[in-house]
PDB file of N, CA and C in Angstrom:
ATOM      1  N   ASP A   1      28.353 227.172 196.293  1.00  0.00           N
ATOM      2  CA  ASP A   1      27.251 226.246 196.387  1.00  0.00           C
ATOM      3  C   ASP A   1      27.741 224.823 196.126  1.00  0.00           C
ATOM      4  N   LYS A   2      26.944 223.852 196.550  1.00  0.00           N
ATOM      5  CA  LYS A   2      27.282 222.440 196.346  1.00  0.00           C
ATOM      6  C   LYS A   2      26.211 221.772 195.491  1.00  0.00           C
ATOM      7  N   TRP A   3      26.613 220.753 194.726  1.00  0.00           N
ATOM      8  CA  TRP A   3      25.694 219.991 193.888  1.00  0.00           C
ATOM      9  C   TRP A   3      26.064 218.519 193.986  1.00  0.00           C
ATOM     10  N   ASP A   4      25.059 217.655 194.006  1.00  0.00           N
ATOM     11  CA  ASP A   4      25.243 216.206 194.075  1.00  0.00           C
ATOM     12  C   ASP A   4      24.386 215.591 192.973  1.00  0.00           C
ATOM     13  N   SER A   5      24.989 214.772 192.122  1.00  0.00           N
ATOM     14  CA  SER A   5      24.251 214.196 190.996  1.00  0.00           C
ATOM     15  C   SER A   5      23.185 213.199 191.426  1.00  0.00           C
ATOM     16  N   LYS A   6      23.334 212.582 192.584  1.00  0.00           N
ATOM     17  CA  LYS A   6      22.407 211.569 193.106  1.00  0.00           C
ATOM     18  C   LYS A   6      21.864 210.674 192.009  1.00  0.00           C
ATOM     19  N   ASN A   7      20.583 210.835 191.636  1.00  0.00           N
ATOM     20  CA  ASN A   7      19.949 209.949 190.651  1.00  0.00           C
ATOM     21  C   ASN A   7      20.086 210.421 189.210  1.00  0.00           C
ATOM     22  N   LYS A   8      20.741 211.537 188.990  1.00  0.00           N
ATOM     23  CA  LYS A   8      20.895 212.036 187.618  1.00  0.00           C
ATOM     24  C   LYS A   8      21.936 211.214 186.888  1.00  0.00           C
ATOM     25  N   LYS A   9      21.601 210.777 185.688  1.00  0.00           N
ATOM     26  CA  LYS A   9      22.528 209.971 184.881  1.00  0.00           C
ATOM     27  C   LYS A   9      22.957 210.709 183.625  1.00  0.00           C
ATOM     28  N   SER A  10      21.995 211.359 182.951  1.00  0.00           N
ATOM     29  CA  SER A  10      22.281 212.035 181.691  1.00  0.00           C
ATOM     30  C   SER A  10      21.278 213.172 181.515  1.00  0.00           C
ATOM     31  N   PHE A  11      21.772 214.355 181.128  1.00  0.00           N
ATOM     32  CA  PHE A  11      20.885 215.496 180.960  1.00  0.00           C
ATOM     33  C   PHE A  11      21.546 216.568 180.098  1.00  0.00           C
ATOM     34  N   PRO A  12      20.738 217.333 179.341  1.00  0.00           N
ATOM     35  CA  PRO A  12      21.279 218.454 178.575  1.00  0.00           C
ATOM     36  C   PRO A  12      21.459 219.654 179.495  1.00  0.00           C
ATOM     37  N   TYR A  13      22.386 220.541 179.146  1.00  0.00           N
ATOM     38  CA  TYR A  13      22.563 221.757 179.939  1.00  0.00           C
ATOM     39  C   TYR A  13      22.997 222.897 179.042  1.00  0.00           C
ATOM     40  N   ASN A  14      22.392 224.054 179.248  1.00  0.00           N
ATOM     41  CA  ASN A  14      22.709 225.278 178.522  1.00  0.00           C
ATOM     42  C   ASN A  14      23.202 226.290 179.550  1.00  0.00           C
ATOM     43  N   TYR A  15      24.464 226.667 179.478  1.00  0.00           N
ATOM     44  CA  TYR A  15      25.043 227.608 180.438  1.00  0.00           C
ATOM     45  C   TYR A  15      24.645 229.026 180.061  1.00  0.00           C
ATOM     46  N   THR A  16      23.745 229.614 180.847  1.00  0.00           N
ATOM     47  CA  THR A  16      23.262 230.966 180.590  1.00  0.00           C
ATOM     48  C   THR A  16      24.146 232.015 181.246  1.00  0.00           C
ATOM     49  N   THR A  17      25.131 231.575 182.002  1.00  0.00           N
ATOM     50  CA  THR A  17      26.120 232.432 182.637  1.00  0.00           C
ATOM     51  C   THR A  17      27.380 231.597 182.840  1.00  0.00           C
ATOM     52  N   GLU A  18      28.490 232.233 183.123  1.00  0.00           N
ATOM     53  CA  GLU A  18      29.719 231.477 183.378  1.00  0.00           C
ATOM     54  C   GLU A  18      29.579 230.698 184.684  1.00  0.00           C
ATOM     55  N   GLU A  19      30.010 229.438 184.674  1.00  0.00           N
ATOM     56  CA  GLU A  19      29.998 228.610 185.882  1.00  0.00           C
ATOM     57  C   GLU A  19      31.396 228.049 186.100  1.00  0.00           C
ATOM     58  N   ARG A  20      31.884 228.213 187.323  1.00  0.00           N
ATOM     59  CA  ARG A  20      33.187 227.658 187.693  1.00  0.00           C
ATOM     60  C   ARG A  20      32.942 226.549 188.710  1.00  0.00           C
ATOM     61  N   VAL A  21      33.526 225.374 188.459  1.00  0.00           N
ATOM     62  CA  VAL A  21      33.276 224.221 189.320  1.00  0.00           C
ATOM     63  C   VAL A  21      34.575 223.579 189.788  1.00  0.00           C
ATOM     64  N   LEU A  22      34.495 222.940 190.937  1.00  0.00           N
ATOM     65  CA  LEU A  22      35.563 222.085 191.449  1.00  0.00           C
ATOM     66  C   LEU A  22      34.912 220.738 191.720  1.00  0.00           C
ATOM     67  N   ILE A  23      35.367 219.706 191.014  1.00  0.00           N
ATOM     68  CA  ILE A  23      34.796 218.372 191.171  1.00  0.00           C
ATOM     69  C   ILE A  23      35.399 217.745 192.425  1.00  0.00           C
ATOM     70  N   ILE A  24      34.544 217.398 193.381  1.00  0.00           N
ATOM     71  CA  ILE A  24      34.986 216.819 194.652  1.00  0.00           C
ATOM     72  C   ILE A  24      35.085 215.302 194.544  1.00  0.00           C
ATOM     73  N   THR A  25      34.037 214.664 194.041  1.00  0.00           N
ATOM     74  CA  THR A  25      34.038 213.209 193.844  1.00  0.00           C
ATOM     75  C   THR A  25      33.332 212.894 192.532  1.00  0.00           C
ATOM     76  N   GLY A  26      33.626 211.723 191.984  1.00  0.00           N
ATOM     77  CA  GLY A  26      32.914 211.241 190.808  1.00  0.00           C
ATOM     78  C   GLY A  26      33.525 211.672 189.493  1.00  0.00           C
ATOM     79  N   SER A  27      32.768 211.391 188.417  1.00  0.00           N
ATOM     80  CA  SER A  27      33.231 211.734 187.071  1.00  0.00           C
ATOM     81  C   SER A  27      32.040 211.835 186.126  1.00  0.00           C
ATOM     82  N   ALA A  28      32.273 212.498 184.992  1.00  0.00           N
ATOM     83  CA  ALA A  28      31.238 212.664 183.974  1.00  0.00           C
ATOM     84  C   ALA A  28      31.895 212.877 182.622  1.00  0.00           C
ATOM     85  N   THR A  29      31.148 212.538 181.580  1.00  0.00           N
ATOM     86  CA  THR A  29      31.551 212.848 180.216  1.00  0.00           C
ATOM     87  C   THR A  29      30.664 213.992 179.746  1.00  0.00           C
ATOM     88  N   ILE A  30      31.294 215.045 179.238  1.00  0.00           N
ATOM     89  CA  ILE A  30      30.594 216.221 178.738  1.00  0.00           C
ATOM     90  C   ILE A  30      30.698 216.201 177.212  1.00  0.00           C
ATOM     91  N   THR A  31      29.558 216.185 176.522  1.00  0.00           N
ATOM     92  CA  THR A  31      29.547 216.190 175.059  1.00  0.00           C
ATOM     93  C   THR A  31      28.992 217.527 174.575  1.00  0.00           C
ATOM     94  N   PRO A  32      29.850 218.385 173.983  1.00  0.00           N
ATOM     95  CA  PRO A  32      29.389 219.683 173.490  1.00  0.00           C
ATOM     96  C   PRO A  32      28.366 219.527 172.363  1.00  0.00           C
ATOM     97  N   SER A  33      27.361 220.388 172.352  1.00  0.00           N
ATOM     98  CA  SER A  33      26.314 220.344 171.327  1.00  0.00           C
ATOM     99  C   SER A  33      26.817 220.774 169.956  1.00  0.00           C
ATOM    100  N   ASP A  34      27.970 221.446 169.898  1.00  0.00           N
ATOM    101  CA  ASP A  34      28.492 221.926 168.615  1.00  0.00           C
ATOM    102  C   ASP A  34      29.259 220.862 167.839  1.00  0.00           C
ATOM    103  N   GLY A  35      29.298 219.629 168.362  1.00  0.00           N
ATOM    104  CA  GLY A  35      29.984 218.541 167.671  1.00  0.00           C
ATOM    105  C   GLY A  35      31.441 218.370 168.054  1.00  0.00           C
ATOM    106  N   SER A  36      31.960 219.216 168.945  1.00  0.00           N
ATOM    107  CA  SER A  36      33.339 219.071 169.424  1.00  0.00           C
ATOM    108  C   SER A  36      33.495 217.747 170.156  1.00  0.00           C
ATOM    109  N   ASP A  37      34.734 217.317 170.319  1.00  0.00           N
ATOM    110  CA  ASP A  37      35.009 216.062 171.010  1.00  0.00           C
ATOM    111  C   ASP A  37      34.531 216.104 172.457  1.00  0.00           C
ATOM    112  N   PRO A  38      33.983 214.991 172.964  1.00  0.00           N
ATOM    113  CA  PRO A  38      33.589 214.897 174.373  1.00  0.00           C
ATOM    114  C   PRO A  38      34.821 215.015 175.271  1.00  0.00           C
ATOM    115  N   LEU A  39      34.598 215.445 176.507  1.00  0.00           N
ATOM    116  CA  LEU A  39      35.677 215.486 177.477  1.00  0.00           C
ATOM    117  C   LEU A  39      35.203 214.851 178.770  1.00  0.00           C
ATOM    118  N   THR A  40      36.148 214.325 179.523  1.00  0.00           N
ATOM    119  CA  THR A  40      35.843 213.700 180.805  1.00  0.00           C
ATOM    120  C   THR A  40      36.352 214.600 181.916  1.00  0.00           C
ATOM    121  N   ILE A  41      35.501 214.828 182.921  1.00  0.00           N
ATOM    122  CA  ILE A  41      35.924 215.560 184.107  1.00  0.00           C
ATOM    123  C   ILE A  41      35.781 214.623 185.291  1.00  0.00           C
ATOM    124  N   GLU A  42      36.662 214.807 186.285  1.00  0.00           N
ATOM    125  CA  GLU A  42      36.667 213.895 187.433  1.00  0.00           C
ATOM    126  C   GLU A  42      37.161 214.608 188.679  1.00  0.00           C
ATOM    127  N   ALA A  43      37.092 213.899 189.808  1.00  0.00           N
ATOM    128  CA  ALA A  43      37.502 214.446 191.094  1.00  0.00           C
ATOM    129  C   ALA A  43      38.861 215.129 190.981  1.00  0.00           C
ATOM    130  N   GLY A  44      38.935 216.345 191.539  1.00  0.00           N
ATOM    131  CA  GLY A  44      40.171 217.117 191.517  1.00  0.00           C
ATOM    132  C   GLY A  44      40.240 218.132 190.396  1.00  0.00           C
ATOM    133  N   ASN A  45      39.387 217.998 189.376  1.00  0.00           N
ATOM    134  CA  ASN A  45      39.398 218.947 188.254  1.00  0.00           C
ATOM    135  C   ASN A  45      38.683 220.243 188.625  1.00  0.00           C
ATOM    136  N   ALA A  46      39.249 221.360 188.185  1.00  0.00           N
ATOM    137  CA  ALA A  46      38.592 222.667 188.259  1.00  0.00           C
ATOM    138  C   ALA A  46      38.254 223.035 186.821  1.00  0.00           C
ATOM    139  N   VAL A  47      36.989 223.369 186.567  1.00  0.00           N
ATOM    140  CA  VAL A  47      36.522 223.601 185.201  1.00  0.00           C
ATOM    141  C   VAL A  47      35.721 224.900 185.142  1.00  0.00           C
ATOM    142  N   THR A  48      35.900 225.652 184.059  1.00  0.00           N
ATOM    143  CA  THR A  48      35.079 226.831 183.797  1.00  0.00           C
ATOM    144  C   THR A  48      34.235 226.558 182.561  1.00  0.00           C
ATOM    145  N   PHE A  49      32.917 226.668 182.710  1.00  0.00           N
ATOM    146  CA  PHE A  49      31.989 226.545 181.592  1.00  0.00           C
ATOM    147  C   PHE A  49      31.570 227.966 181.221  1.00  0.00           C
ATOM    148  N   HIS A  50      31.841 228.369 179.989  1.00  0.00           N
ATOM    149  CA  HIS A  50      31.547 229.735 179.564  1.00  0.00           C
ATOM    150  C   HIS A  50      30.085 229.918 179.181  1.00  0.00           C
ATOM    151  N   LYS A  51      29.601 231.131 179.371  1.00  0.00           N
ATOM    152  CA  LYS A  51      28.230 231.491 179.001  1.00  0.00           C
ATOM    153  C   LYS A  51      27.988 231.119 177.538  1.00  0.00           C
ATOM    154  N   GLY A  52      26.844 230.475 177.270  1.00  0.00           N
ATOM    155  CA  GLY A  52      26.480 230.078 175.915  1.00  0.00           C
ATOM    156  C   GLY A  52      26.872 228.653 175.554  1.00  0.00           C
ATOM    157  N   PHE A  53      27.701 228.005 176.397  1.00  0.00           N
ATOM    158  CA  PHE A  53      28.113 226.625 176.134  1.00  0.00           C
ATOM    159  C   PHE A  53      26.915 225.706 176.340  1.00  0.00           C
ATOM    160  N   LYS A  54      26.648 224.846 175.352  1.00  0.00           N
ATOM    161  CA  LYS A  54      25.557 223.872 175.438  1.00  0.00           C
ATOM    162  C   LYS A  54      26.168 222.488 175.325  1.00  0.00           C
ATOM    163  N   CYS A  55      25.674 221.569 176.159  1.00  0.00           N
ATOM    164  CA  CYS A  55      26.260 220.233 176.162  1.00  0.00           C
ATOM    165  C   CYS A  55      25.278 219.220 176.732  1.00  0.00           C
ATOM    166  N   LYS A  56      25.702 217.970 176.711  1.00  0.00           N
ATOM    167  CA  LYS A  56      24.966 216.896 177.370  1.00  0.00           C
ATOM    168  C   LYS A  56      25.916 216.293 178.401  1.00  0.00           C
ATOM    169  N   TRP A  57      25.450 216.196 179.628  1.00  0.00           N
ATOM    170  CA  TRP A  57      26.205 215.565 180.706  1.00  0.00           C
ATOM    171  C   TRP A  57      25.832 214.091 180.773  1.00  0.00           C
ATOM    172  N   LYS A  58      26.823 213.236 180.971  1.00  0.00           N
ATOM    173  CA  LYS A  58      26.587 211.824 181.269  1.00  0.00           C
ATOM    174  C   LYS A  58      27.418 211.512 182.511  1.00  0.00           C
ATOM    175  N   ILE A  59      26.739 211.323 183.633  1.00  0.00           N
ATOM    176  CA  ILE A  59      27.424 211.025 184.893  1.00  0.00           C
ATOM    177  C   ILE A  59      27.906 209.580 184.834  1.00  0.00           C
ATOM    178  N   THR A  60      29.213 209.368 184.974  1.00  0.00           N
ATOM    179  CA  THR A  60      29.774 208.018 184.919  1.00  0.00           C
ATOM    180  C   THR A  60      30.073 207.464 186.307  1.00  0.00           C
ATOM    181  N   LYS A  61      30.176 208.355 187.296  1.00  0.00           N
ATOM    182  CA  LYS A  61      30.329 207.964 188.697  1.00  0.00           C
ATOM    183  C   LYS A  61      29.721 209.098 189.512  1.00  0.00           C
ATOM    184  N   ARG A  62      28.832 208.771 190.460  1.00  0.00           N
ATOM    185  CA  ARG A  62      28.123 209.801 191.225  1.00  0.00           C
ATOM    186  C   ARG A  62      29.055 210.961 191.557  1.00  0.00           C
ATOM    187  N   MET A  63      28.596 212.158 191.227  1.00  0.00           N
ATOM    188  CA  MET A  63      29.446 213.339 191.331  1.00  0.00           C
ATOM    189  C   MET A  63      28.957 214.314 192.389  1.00  0.00           C
ATOM    190  N   LYS A  64      29.924 214.909 193.080  1.00  0.00           N
ATOM    191  CA  LYS A  64      29.673 216.043 193.967  1.00  0.00           C
ATOM    192  C   LYS A  64      30.629 217.139 193.529  1.00  0.00           C
ATOM    193  N   LYS A  65      30.098 218.373 193.463  1.00  0.00           N
ATOM    194  CA  LYS A  65      30.936 219.489 193.038  1.00  0.00           C
ATOM    195  C   LYS A  65      30.558 220.749 193.801  1.00  0.00           C
ATOM    196  N   HIS A  66      31.514 221.657 193.898  1.00  0.00           N
ATOM    197  CA  HIS A  66      31.272 223.014 194.376  1.00  0.00           C
ATOM    198  C   HIS A  66      31.216 223.877 193.125  1.00  0.00           C
ATOM    199  N   TYR A  67      30.333 224.873 193.111  1.00  0.00           N
ATOM    200  CA  TYR A  67      30.227 225.715 191.921  1.00  0.00           C
ATOM    201  C   TYR A  67      29.857 227.146 192.276  1.00  0.00           C
ATOM    202  N   GLY A  68      30.166 228.032 191.351  1.00  0.00           N
ATOM    203  CA  GLY A  68      29.769 229.435 191.452  1.00  0.00           C
ATOM    204  C   GLY A  68      29.363 229.914 190.072  1.00  0.00           C
ATOM    205  N   MET A  69      28.347 230.777 190.028  1.00  0.00           N
ATOM    206  CA  MET A  69      27.867 231.361 188.774  1.00  0.00           C
ATOM    207  C   MET A  69      28.340 232.807 188.721  1.00  0.00           C
ATOM    208  N   PHE A  70      28.880 233.218 187.578  1.00  0.00           N
ATOM    209  CA  PHE A  70      29.436 234.556 187.444  1.00  0.00           C
ATOM    210  C   PHE A  70      28.902 235.222 186.182  1.00  0.00           C
ATOM    211  N   ALA A  71      28.286 236.409 186.339  1.00  0.00           N
ATOM    212  CA  ALA A  71      27.721 237.140 185.204  1.00  0.00           C
ATOM    213  C   ALA A  71      28.829 237.793 184.389  1.00  0.00           C
ATOM    214  N   SER A  72      29.655 238.587 185.022  1.00  0.00           N
ATOM    215  CA  SER A  72      30.790 239.230 184.363  1.00  0.00           C
ATOM    216  C   SER A  72      31.783 239.633 185.439  1.00  0.00           C
ATOM    217  N   GLY A  73      33.034 239.625 185.084  1.00  0.00           N
ATOM    218  CA  GLY A  73      34.037 239.941 186.081  1.00  0.00           C
ATOM    219  C   GLY A  73      34.039 238.902 187.179  1.00  0.00           C
ATOM    220  N   GLU A  74      34.016 239.336 188.412  1.00  0.00           N
ATOM    221  CA  GLU A  74      34.119 238.421 189.545  1.00  0.00           C
ATOM    222  C   GLU A  74      32.861 238.354 190.402  1.00  0.00           C
ATOM    223  N   GLU A  75      31.769 238.975 189.983  1.00  0.00           N
ATOM    224  CA  GLU A  75      30.552 238.960 190.782  1.00  0.00           C
ATOM    225  C   GLU A  75      29.794 237.656 190.594  1.00  0.00           C
ATOM    226  N   GLU A  76      29.488 236.990 191.701  1.00  0.00           N
ATOM    227  CA  GLU A  76      28.727 235.743 191.611  1.00  0.00           C
ATOM    228  C   GLU A  76      27.269 236.057 191.304  1.00  0.00           C
ATOM    229  N   GLU A  77      26.668 235.249 190.435  1.00  0.00           N
ATOM    230  CA  GLU A  77      25.275 235.425 190.026  1.00  0.00           C
ATOM    231  C   GLU A  77      24.422 234.309 190.615  1.00  0.00           C
ATOM    232  N   VAL A  78      23.159 234.614 190.876  1.00  0.00           N
ATOM    233  CA  VAL A  78      22.225 233.605 191.370  1.00  0.00           C
ATOM    234  C   VAL A  78      22.008 232.566 190.272  1.00  0.00           C
ATOM    235  N   PRO A  79      22.088 231.249 190.600  1.00  0.00           N
ATOM    236  CA  PRO A  79      21.919 230.220 189.578  1.00  0.00           C
ATOM    237  C   PRO A  79      20.528 230.230 188.953  1.00  0.00           C
ATOM    238  N   ALA A  80      20.482 229.924 187.662  1.00  0.00           N
ATOM    239  CA  ALA A  80      19.219 229.771 186.947  1.00  0.00           C
ATOM    240  C   ALA A  80      18.896 228.283 186.869  1.00  0.00           C
ATOM    241  N   ILE A  81      17.649 227.971 186.648  1.00  0.00           N
ATOM    242  CA  ILE A  81      17.243 226.575 186.514  1.00  0.00           C
ATOM    243  C   ILE A  81      17.159 226.245 185.035  1.00  0.00           C
ATOM    244  N   THR A  82      17.808 225.173 184.629  1.00  0.00           N
ATOM    245  CA  THR A  82      17.746 224.711 183.250  1.00  0.00           C
ATOM    246  C   THR A  82      16.936 223.426 183.217  1.00  0.00           C
ATOM    247  N   CYS A  83      15.986 223.349 182.296  1.00  0.00           N
ATOM    248  CA  CYS A  83      15.131 222.173 182.158  1.00  0.00           C
ATOM    249  C   CYS A  83      15.971 220.945 181.812  1.00  0.00           C
ATOM    250  N   ASP A  84      15.766 219.841 182.512  1.00  0.00           N
ATOM    251  CA  ASP A  84      16.491 218.599 182.259  1.00  0.00           C
ATOM    252  C   ASP A  84      15.983 217.869 181.015  1.00  0.00           C
ATOM    253  N   ILE A  85      14.885 218.323 180.424  1.00  0.00           N
ATOM    254  CA  ILE A  85      14.348 217.705 179.213  1.00  0.00           C
ATOM    255  C   ILE A  85      14.781 218.481 177.969  1.00  0.00           C
ATOM    256  N   CYS A  86      14.477 219.789 177.933  1.00  0.00           N
ATOM    257  CA  CYS A  86      14.764 220.575 176.723  1.00  0.00           C
ATOM    258  C   CYS A  86      16.105 221.298 176.775  1.00  0.00           C
ATOM    259  N   GLY A  87      16.700 221.450 177.973  1.00  0.00           N
ATOM    260  CA  GLY A  87      17.995 222.107 178.099  1.00  0.00           C
ATOM    261  C   GLY A  87      17.938 223.623 178.091  1.00  0.00           C
ATOM    262  N   GLU A  88      16.755 224.207 178.062  1.00  0.00           N
ATOM    263  CA  GLU A  88      16.608 225.663 178.030  1.00  0.00           C
ATOM    264  C   GLU A  88      16.395 226.210 179.436  1.00  0.00           C
ATOM    265  N   GLY A  89      16.590 227.513 179.585  1.00  0.00           N
ATOM    266  CA  GLY A  89      16.377 228.183 180.864  1.00  0.00           C
ATOM    267  C   GLY A  89      14.903 228.457 181.084  1.00  0.00           C
ATOM    268  N   CYS A  90      14.213 227.551 181.708  1.00  0.00           N
ATOM    269  CA  CYS A  90      12.758 227.638 181.892  1.00  0.00           C
ATOM    270  C   CYS A  90      12.409 228.000 183.332  1.00  0.00           C
ATOM    271  N   VAL A  91      13.234 228.807 183.978  1.00  0.00           N
ATOM    272  CA  VAL A  91      13.097 229.064 185.403  1.00  0.00           C
ATOM    273  C   VAL A  91      11.700 229.540 185.802  1.00  0.00           C
ATOM    274  N   GLU A  92      11.068 230.365 184.987  1.00  0.00           N
ATOM    275  CA  GLU A  92       9.752 230.890 185.349  1.00  0.00           C
ATOM    276  C   GLU A  92       8.674 229.816 185.342  1.00  0.00           C
ATOM    277  N   GLU A  93       8.799 228.818 184.462  1.00  0.00           N
ATOM    278  CA  GLU A  93       7.757 227.808 184.324  1.00  0.00           C
ATOM    279  C   GLU A  93       8.122 226.452 184.917  1.00  0.00           C
ATOM    280  N   SER A  94       9.375 226.237 185.272  1.00  0.00           N
ATOM    281  CA  SER A  94       9.812 224.888 185.631  1.00  0.00           C
ATOM    282  C   SER A  94       9.339 224.460 187.020  1.00  0.00           C
ATOM    283  N   TYR A  95       9.360 223.165 187.227  1.00  0.00           N
ATOM    284  CA  TYR A  95       9.065 222.601 188.530  1.00  0.00           C
ATOM    285  C   TYR A  95      10.029 221.453 188.800  1.00  0.00           C
ATOM    286  N   PHE A  96      10.179 221.101 190.068  1.00  0.00           N
ATOM    287  CA  PHE A  96      11.162 220.126 190.518  1.00  0.00           C
ATOM    288  C   PHE A  96      10.499 218.776 190.758  1.00  0.00           C
ATOM    289  N   MET A  97      11.079 217.696 190.186  1.00  0.00           N
ATOM    290  CA  MET A  97      10.590 216.336 190.387  1.00  0.00           C
ATOM    291  C   MET A  97      11.504 215.671 191.410  1.00  0.00           C
ATOM    292  N   LYS A  98      11.034 215.516 192.641  1.00  0.00           N
ATOM    293  CA  LYS A  98      11.873 215.004 193.718  1.00  0.00           C
ATOM    294  C   LYS A  98      12.378 213.590 193.452  1.00  0.00           C
ATOM    295  N   LYS A  99      11.549 212.720 192.871  1.00  0.00           N
ATOM    296  CA  LYS A  99      11.911 211.315 192.671  1.00  0.00           C
ATOM    297  C   LYS A  99      13.258 211.162 191.970  1.00  0.00           C
ATOM    298  N   ASP A 100      13.437 211.838 190.839  1.00  0.00           N
ATOM    299  CA  ASP A 100      14.709 211.716 190.118  1.00  0.00           C
ATOM    300  C   ASP A 100      15.479 213.036 190.077  1.00  0.00           C
ATOM    301  N   GLU A 101      15.034 214.007 190.891  1.00  0.00           N
ATOM    302  CA  GLU A 101      15.680 215.308 191.017  1.00  0.00           C
ATOM    303  C   GLU A 101      15.815 216.038 189.694  1.00  0.00           C
ATOM    304  N   SER A 102      14.758 216.018 188.896  1.00  0.00           N
ATOM    305  CA  SER A 102      14.753 216.696 187.609  1.00  0.00           C
ATOM    306  C   SER A 102      14.029 218.029 187.710  1.00  0.00           C
ATOM    307  N   ASP A 103      14.520 219.019 186.982  1.00  0.00           N
ATOM    308  CA  ASP A 103      13.827 220.282 186.802  1.00  0.00           C
ATOM    309  C   ASP A 103      13.165 220.200 185.434  1.00  0.00           C
ATOM    310  N   ILE A 104      11.845 220.314 185.403  1.00  0.00           N
ATOM    311  CA  ILE A 104      11.068 220.091 184.182  1.00  0.00           C
ATOM    312  C   ILE A 104      10.231 221.325 183.875  1.00  0.00           C
ATOM    313  N   CYS A 105      10.159 221.698 182.587  1.00  0.00           N
ATOM    314  CA  CYS A 105       9.234 222.766 182.206  1.00  0.00           C
ATOM    315  C   CYS A 105       7.932 222.118 181.733  1.00  0.00           C
ATOM    316  N   PRO A 106       6.820 222.849 181.870  1.00  0.00           N
ATOM    317  CA  PRO A 106       5.521 222.258 181.523  1.00  0.00           C
ATOM    318  C   PRO A 106       5.348 221.993 180.043  1.00  0.00           C
TER     319      PRO A 106
END
């Protein structure tokens, strides 16, 4: 799958499954919620985010990435929607805000 940050600048994210990404363009600073040091990812980086990892993304240059979600082993999983406000998996209740491309829970 492909993702484009477009109007997204900063948002929390809770990885409910393993996600593997290849950054095509752009850059971001990832700040782990556990207090670990922030890291910067940029074009050309391949990154694996493990299930349970919680962080805040700050897009520093518009980003495009390819990604896959994996439950266990090598099987790709259907992506879940994480609320851009609370950072939780609110897929059943969330809705999409086209203006700023946010997924919001009620």
